[in-house]
């Protein structure tokens, strides 16, 4: 347990975001792979924070817990600098550069050190580079601020997708099938007079849903969905089995959706058998894009001067 009073902190005693830099690197050396939430939670737990600081929330409900949010900013900078690597969205592992930094600085790692890394400087250059070479300093600052806002929204969207995936793996299988049919409908996979159905709960012969793309049902798309845990990918046998079930329906088109992923063998089989695959990451992207299972909580507008209204 680290004495939080020995760390850099704000006026209320709360450790600043950069106080978490060394803590997160220390934790990252303890096991090969971490999720973002695991790292942030563990970093806060490393400190003997009193309850009033540990449970402190931002005034805006969208920002959440102050301590975890600050740990999140440290996590982001460590990734940008190349101290952490993200093999998959939301997962992190320490790099050799990060190990070297931990060995050299330990808990005394500062943001000045992190921000001197070439990768971090490259990132900052991209943020502050003006779109127009004739832009003045204020325009460059606005561009930088907009990038920060976009980064924050991207982080919130990623967190939403993680929550969405967790909900999908927990929900009733039959309800899940219906939601996937609705997603394909929203994406336009249904003719103007067509319909879509979820098959019976039993004896569906590997078919979970059917989308009729015309009124007479001459064009059909068959669907199979699997609510699998992230560490349980869909394999080649499941693709070939689904393809066989589709062919028994006298068609050769199918969509296979999973909350996990597909093995290389499964992807190869799907390509050869005319089966479209949608993994967990693509699934949550599509659900957010088409508004299935999510809703807009709040909308923000960024305004600019309308020069036409001030023209002479």
Protein backbone atom coordinates (compact mmCIF):
# COMPACT_ATOMS: atom_id res chain seq x y z
CA UNK A 1 0.00 0.00 0.00
CA UNK A 2 1.36 3.40 -1.01
CA UNK A 3 0.96 6.44 1.25
CA UNK A 4 -1.05 8.77 -0.97
CA UNK A 5 0.11 11.84 0.99
CA UNK A 6 3.64 11.34 -0.36
CA UNK A 7 2.41 11.68 -3.94
CA UNK A 8 1.83 14.80 -5.98
CA UNK A 9 -1.72 15.91 -5.21
CA UNK A 10 -4.24 18.68 -5.77
CA UNK A 11 -5.45 21.10 -3.10
CA UNK A 12 -8.06 18.65 -1.77
CA UNK A 13 -5.43 15.96 -1.20
CA UNK A 14 -6.43 13.89 -4.26
CA UNK A 15 -3.40 12.49 -6.15
CA UNK A 16 -3.02 14.15 -9.53
CA UNK A 17 -3.30 12.07 -12.70
CA UNK A 18 0.48 11.95 -13.23
CA UNK A 19 0.96 10.54 -9.73
CA UNK A 20 -0.47 7.31 -11.16
CA UNK A 21 2.16 6.91 -13.90
CA UNK A 22 4.65 4.90 -11.86
CA UNK A 23 1.88 3.00 -10.05
CA UNK A 24 0.36 1.73 -13.30
CA UNK A 25 3.76 0.69 -14.67
CA UNK A 26 4.46 -1.16 -11.42
CA UNK A 27 1.19 -3.06 -11.73
CA UNK A 28 1.73 -3.80 -15.41
CA UNK A 29 4.87 -5.76 -14.54
CA UNK A 30 2.89 -8.12 -12.31
CA UNK A 31 1.02 -10.03 -15.03
CA UNK A 32 1.11 -10.27 -18.84
CA UNK A 33 -2.25 -8.73 -19.73
CA UNK A 34 -4.65 -6.30 -18.07
CA UNK A 35 -7.94 -4.75 -19.05
CA UNK A 36 -8.17 -0.98 -18.76
CA UNK A 37 -10.67 -1.20 -15.91
CA UNK A 38 -8.53 -3.72 -14.02
CA UNK A 39 -5.48 -1.46 -14.24
CA UNK A 40 -7.34 1.68 -13.16
CA UNK A 41 -9.07 -0.09 -10.28
CA UNK A 42 -5.85 -1.73 -9.11
CA UNK A 43 -3.99 1.59 -9.30
CA UNK A 44 -6.55 3.27 -7.04
CA UNK A 45 -6.48 0.29 -4.68
CA UNK A 46 -2.69 0.65 -4.37
CA UNK A 47 -3.29 3.85 -2.43
CA UNK A 48 -4.59 4.11 1.11
CA UNK A 49 -7.10 6.76 0.10
CA UNK A 50 -9.69 7.78 2.70
CA UNK A 51 -13.28 7.10 1.68
CA UNK A 52 -14.04 10.73 0.90
CA UNK A 53 -11.32 10.73 -1.76
CA UNK A 54 -11.78 7.17 -3.00
CA UNK A 55 -15.51 7.70 -3.57
CA UNK A 56 -15.33 11.27 -4.87
CA UNK A 57 -17.28 11.83 -8.09
CA UNK A 58 -17.16 14.61 -10.66
CA UNK A 59 -20.10 17.00 -10.71
CA UNK A 60 -20.88 15.68 -14.19
CA UNK A 61 -22.19 12.11 -14.03
CA UNK A 62 -20.52 11.41 -17.37
CA UNK A 63 -17.02 11.69 -15.90
CA UNK A 64 -17.57 9.27 -13.02
CA UNK A 65 -15.11 8.57 -10.22
CA UNK A 66 -12.31 11.15 -9.91
CA UNK A 67 -9.54 8.77 -8.81
CA UNK A 68 -10.22 6.19 -11.54
CA UNK A 69 -10.52 8.91 -14.15
CA UNK A 70 -7.13 10.30 -13.21
CA UNK A 71 -5.65 6.81 -13.38
CA UNK A 72 -7.23 6.55 -16.82
CA UNK A 73 -5.43 9.68 -18.05
CA UNK A 74 -2.13 8.22 -16.82
CA UNK A 75 -2.91 4.96 -18.60
CA UNK A 76 -3.57 6.85 -21.83
CA UNK A 77 -0.27 8.75 -21.67
CA UNK A 78 1.70 5.58 -20.94
CA UNK A 79 0.20 3.96 -24.02
CA UNK A 80 0.88 7.01 -26.21
CA UNK A 81 4.51 7.09 -25.05
CA UNK A 82 4.96 3.42 -25.90
CA UNK A 83 5.34 2.17 -22.34
CA UNK A 84 2.19 0.08 -22.72
CA UNK A 85 0.92 -1.78 -25.76
CA UNK A 86 -2.69 -2.57 -26.54
CA UNK A 87 -2.93 -5.87 -28.49
CA UNK A 88 -6.70 -5.55 -28.46
CA UNK A 89 -9.13 -2.76 -27.62
CA UNK A 90 -9.33 -2.34 -23.87
CA UNK A 91 -6.36 -4.62 -23.10
CA UNK A 92 -2.82 -3.58 -22.12
CA UNK A 93 0.59 -5.13 -21.62
CA UNK A 94 3.90 -3.54 -20.66
CA UNK A 95 6.54 -3.08 -23.37
CA UNK A 96 10.31 -3.34 -23.05
CA UNK A 97 10.42 0.46 -23.08
CA UNK A 98 8.00 0.46 -20.17
CA UNK A 99 10.05 -2.11 -18.27
CA UNK A 100 13.15 0.00 -18.75
CA UNK A 101 11.33 3.09 -17.49
CA UNK A 102 10.05 1.25 -14.43
CA UNK A 103 13.54 -0.06 -13.67
CA UNK A 104 15.03 3.42 -14.01
CA UNK A 105 12.39 5.61 -12.35
CA UNK A 106 10.05 3.36 -10.38
CA UNK A 107 7.29 5.30 -8.64
CA UNK A 108 9.20 8.52 -9.34
CA UNK A 109 8.27 8.42 -13.02
CA UNK A 110 7.06 11.89 -14.01
CA UNK A 111 5.02 13.22 -16.89
CA UNK A 112 8.07 15.24 -18.00
CA UNK A 113 9.90 11.97 -18.65
CA UNK A 114 6.91 10.40 -20.37
CA UNK A 115 6.31 13.44 -22.54
CA UNK A 116 9.90 13.39 -23.76
CA UNK A 117 9.46 10.02 -25.43
CA UNK A 118 9.60 10.22 -29.25
CA UNK A 119 6.25 8.48 -29.70
CA UNK A 120 4.57 10.93 -27.34
CA UNK A 121 6.07 13.89 -29.16
CA UNK A 122 4.88 12.51 -32.48
CA UNK A 123 1.38 12.19 -31.07
CA UNK A 124 1.39 15.76 -29.78
CA UNK A 125 2.67 17.05 -33.09
CA UNK A 126 -0.30 15.48 -34.84
CA UNK A 127 -2.68 17.04 -32.34
CA UNK A 128 -1.38 20.58 -32.58
CA UNK A 129 -0.55 20.65 -36.29
CA UNK A 130 -2.83 23.17 -37.91
CA UNK A 131 -5.00 21.97 -40.79
CA UNK A 132 -4.17 25.19 -42.56
CA UNK A 133 -0.52 26.17 -42.60
CA UNK A 134 -1.62 29.80 -42.27
CA UNK A 135 -3.62 29.15 -39.10
CA UNK A 136 -2.78 31.43 -36.21
CA UNK A 137 -1.92 30.25 -32.69
CA UNK A 138 -5.48 30.48 -31.40
CA UNK A 139 -6.75 28.24 -34.20
CA UNK A 140 -4.05 25.69 -33.37
CA UNK A 141 -5.10 25.76 -29.72
CA UNK A 142 -8.73 25.21 -30.70
CA UNK A 143 -7.69 22.25 -32.84
CA UNK A 144 -5.78 20.81 -29.90
CA UNK A 145 -8.76 21.27 -27.59
CA UNK A 146 -11.08 19.60 -30.06
CA UNK A 147 -8.70 16.63 -30.24
CA UNK A 148 -8.83 16.30 -26.46
CA UNK A 149 -12.62 16.40 -26.53
CA UNK A 150 -12.66 13.79 -29.28
CA UNK A 151 -10.28 11.59 -27.27
CA UNK A 152 -12.62 11.83 -24.28
CA UNK A 153 -15.67 10.90 -26.36
CA UNK A 154 -13.76 8.01 -27.94
CA UNK A 155 -12.86 6.72 -24.48
CA UNK A 156 -16.50 6.93 -23.36
CA UNK A 157 -17.64 5.13 -26.52
CA UNK A 158 -15.13 2.34 -25.94
CA UNK A 159 -16.36 1.97 -22.36
CA UNK A 160 -19.94 1.81 -23.65
CA UNK A 161 -19.00 -0.95 -26.11
CA UNK A 162 -17.37 -2.96 -23.32
CA UNK A 163 -20.52 -2.61 -21.21
CA UNK A 164 -22.69 -3.51 -24.19
CA UNK A 165 -20.70 -6.68 -24.87
CA UNK A 166 -21.04 -7.71 -21.22
CA UNK A 167 -24.82 -7.20 -21.41
CA UNK A 168 -25.06 -9.27 -24.58
CA UNK A 169 -23.28 -12.25 -23.03
CA UNK A 170 -25.64 -12.15 -20.02
CA UNK A 171 -28.98 -11.77 -21.77
CA UNK A 172 -31.58 -14.43 -22.56
CA UNK A 173 -30.49 -16.39 -25.68
CA UNK A 174 -33.83 -16.01 -27.45
CA UNK A 175 -33.94 -12.28 -26.71
CA UNK A 176 -30.39 -12.03 -28.01
CA UNK A 177 -31.40 -13.68 -31.27
CA UNK A 178 -34.24 -11.21 -31.69
CA UNK A 179 -31.89 -8.29 -31.06
CA UNK A 180 -29.50 -9.54 -33.74
CA UNK A 181 -32.35 -9.84 -36.24
CA UNK A 182 -33.35 -6.28 -35.38
CA UNK A 183 -29.77 -5.12 -35.97
CA UNK A 184 -29.72 -6.60 -39.47
CA UNK A 185 -33.10 -5.00 -40.15
CA UNK A 186 -31.73 -1.58 -39.13
CA UNK A 187 -28.77 -2.17 -41.43
CA UNK A 188 -31.15 -2.55 -44.33
CA UNK A 189 -31.13 -6.32 -44.76
CA UNK A 190 -34.86 -6.50 -45.34
CA UNK A 191 -36.81 -5.62 -48.46
CA UNK A 192 -39.59 -3.00 -48.36
CA UNK A 193 -42.21 -5.73 -48.12
CA UNK A 194 -40.07 -8.36 -46.46
CA UNK A 195 -40.13 -9.64 -42.93
CA UNK A 196 -37.77 -11.22 -40.44
CA UNK A 197 -38.30 -13.90 -37.82
CA UNK A 198 -36.51 -15.62 -34.99
CA UNK A 199 -36.81 -19.39 -35.34
CA UNK A 200 -38.38 -21.63 -32.71
CA UNK A 201 -36.38 -22.14 -29.53
CA UNK A 202 -35.85 -25.81 -30.35
CA UNK A 203 -35.35 -27.85 -33.48
CA UNK A 204 -34.05 -24.93 -35.54
CA UNK A 205 -31.33 -27.09 -37.15
CA UNK A 206 -28.67 -24.47 -36.54
CA UNK A 207 -30.71 -21.54 -37.88
CA UNK A 208 -31.49 -18.81 -35.34
CA UNK A 209 -33.13 -16.26 -37.60
CA UNK A 210 -34.43 -15.72 -41.12
CA UNK A 211 -34.63 -12.46 -43.02
CA UNK A 212 -36.98 -12.41 -46.02
CA UNK A 213 -35.73 -9.76 -48.41
CA UNK A 214 -38.81 -9.81 -50.62
CA UNK A 215 -42.55 -10.25 -50.09
CA UNK A 216 -42.65 -13.78 -51.55
CA UNK A 217 -39.70 -15.01 -49.52
CA UNK A 218 -37.64 -15.89 -52.59
CA UNK A 219 -34.54 -14.16 -51.23
CA UNK A 220 -33.59 -15.21 -47.74
CA UNK A 221 -30.66 -14.64 -45.43
CA UNK A 222 -30.15 -17.13 -42.61
CA UNK A 223 -28.64 -16.20 -39.29
CA UNK A 224 -26.81 -17.99 -36.50
CA UNK A 225 -25.70 -16.28 -33.30
CA UNK A 226 -23.50 -17.40 -30.42
CA UNK A 227 -23.23 -15.68 -27.04
CA UNK A 228 -19.69 -16.80 -26.29
CA UNK A 229 -17.24 -15.51 -23.69
CA UNK A 230 -14.27 -13.54 -25.10
CA UNK A 231 -11.90 -16.48 -24.53
CA UNK A 232 -14.14 -18.91 -26.43
CA UNK A 233 -13.76 -18.23 -30.18
CA UNK A 234 -15.93 -19.78 -32.87
CA UNK A 235 -14.06 -22.54 -34.71
CA UNK A 236 -14.13 -24.01 -38.21
CA UNK A 237 -16.53 -26.89 -37.32
CA UNK A 238 -19.25 -24.44 -36.26
CA UNK A 239 -18.94 -22.54 -39.54
CA UNK A 240 -19.12 -25.68 -41.66
CA UNK A 241 -22.06 -26.97 -39.64
CA UNK A 242 -23.93 -23.70 -40.13
CA UNK A 243 -23.12 -23.72 -43.83
CA UNK A 244 -24.59 -27.22 -44.09
CA UNK A 245 -27.79 -26.06 -42.38
CA UNK A 246 -28.02 -23.11 -44.78
CA UNK A 247 -27.58 -25.36 -47.82
CA UNK A 248 -30.41 -27.57 -46.60
CA UNK A 249 -32.60 -24.47 -46.99
CA UNK A 250 -31.58 -24.36 -50.67
CA UNK A 251 -29.54 -21.20 -50.41
CA UNK A 252 -25.90 -20.37 -49.83
CA UNK A 253 -25.98 -17.13 -47.86
CA UNK A 254 -25.65 -16.82 -44.12
CA UNK A 255 -24.53 -14.48 -41.37
CA UNK A 256 -22.75 -15.83 -38.28
CA UNK A 257 -22.62 -13.45 -35.29
CA UNK A 258 -20.71 -14.03 -32.06
CA UNK A 259 -19.90 -11.96 -29.00
CA UNK A 260 -16.37 -13.44 -29.02
CA UNK A 261 -14.18 -13.92 -32.09
CA UNK A 262 -13.38 -16.37 -34.88
CA UNK A 263 -10.35 -18.59 -35.25
CA UNK A 264 -8.25 -18.28 -38.40
CA UNK A 265 -9.67 -21.60 -39.59
CA UNK A 266 -13.21 -20.35 -39.05
CA UNK A 267 -12.55 -17.16 -41.02
CA UNK A 268 -11.06 -19.14 -43.91
CA UNK A 269 -14.01 -21.53 -43.96
CA UNK A 270 -16.49 -18.63 -43.85
CA UNK A 271 -14.88 -16.99 -46.88
CA UNK A 272 -15.00 -20.22 -48.87
CA UNK A 273 -18.58 -21.02 -47.86
CA UNK A 274 -20.07 -17.54 -48.43
CA UNK A 275 -20.74 -16.97 -44.73
CA UNK A 276 -20.44 -13.41 -43.40
CA UNK A 277 -18.86 -13.25 -39.94
CA UNK A 278 -19.41 -10.58 -37.30
CA UNK A 279 -17.26 -10.77 -34.15
CA UNK A 280 -17.80 -9.04 -30.82
CA UNK A 281 -15.89 -5.88 -31.67
CA UNK A 282 -17.63 -5.41 -35.02
CA UNK A 283 -20.96 -6.25 -33.39
CA UNK A 284 -20.74 -3.51 -30.77
CA UNK A 285 -19.54 -1.04 -33.41
CA UNK A 286 -22.60 -1.80 -35.53
CA UNK A 287 -25.00 -1.65 -32.58
CA UNK A 288 -23.76 1.81 -31.62
CA UNK A 289 -23.78 2.99 -35.24
CA UNK A 290 -27.34 1.82 -35.87
CA UNK A 291 -28.72 2.59 -32.41
CA UNK A 292 -29.60 -0.98 -31.39
CA UNK A 293 -29.46 -1.66 -27.65
CA UNK A 294 -28.26 1.89 -26.96
CA UNK A 295 -29.77 5.33 -26.81
CA UNK A 296 -28.48 8.88 -26.87
CA UNK A 297 -28.12 10.13 -23.30
CA UNK A 298 -26.99 13.66 -24.03
CA UNK A 299 -26.05 15.70 -27.09
CA UNK A 300 -23.38 18.39 -27.16
CA UNK A 301 -23.05 21.13 -29.77
CA UNK A 302 -19.85 22.97 -30.68
CA UNK A 303 -20.56 26.40 -32.12
CA UNK A 304 -18.48 28.72 -34.29
CA UNK A 305 -18.94 32.25 -35.58
CA UNK A 306 -21.07 32.50 -38.72
CA UNK A 307 -18.96 34.92 -40.72
CA UNK A 308 -21.73 35.48 -43.27
CA UNK A 309 -23.86 37.16 -40.62
CA UNK A 310 -21.11 39.71 -40.00
CA UNK A 311 -20.26 40.43 -43.62
CA UNK A 312 -20.37 44.08 -44.65
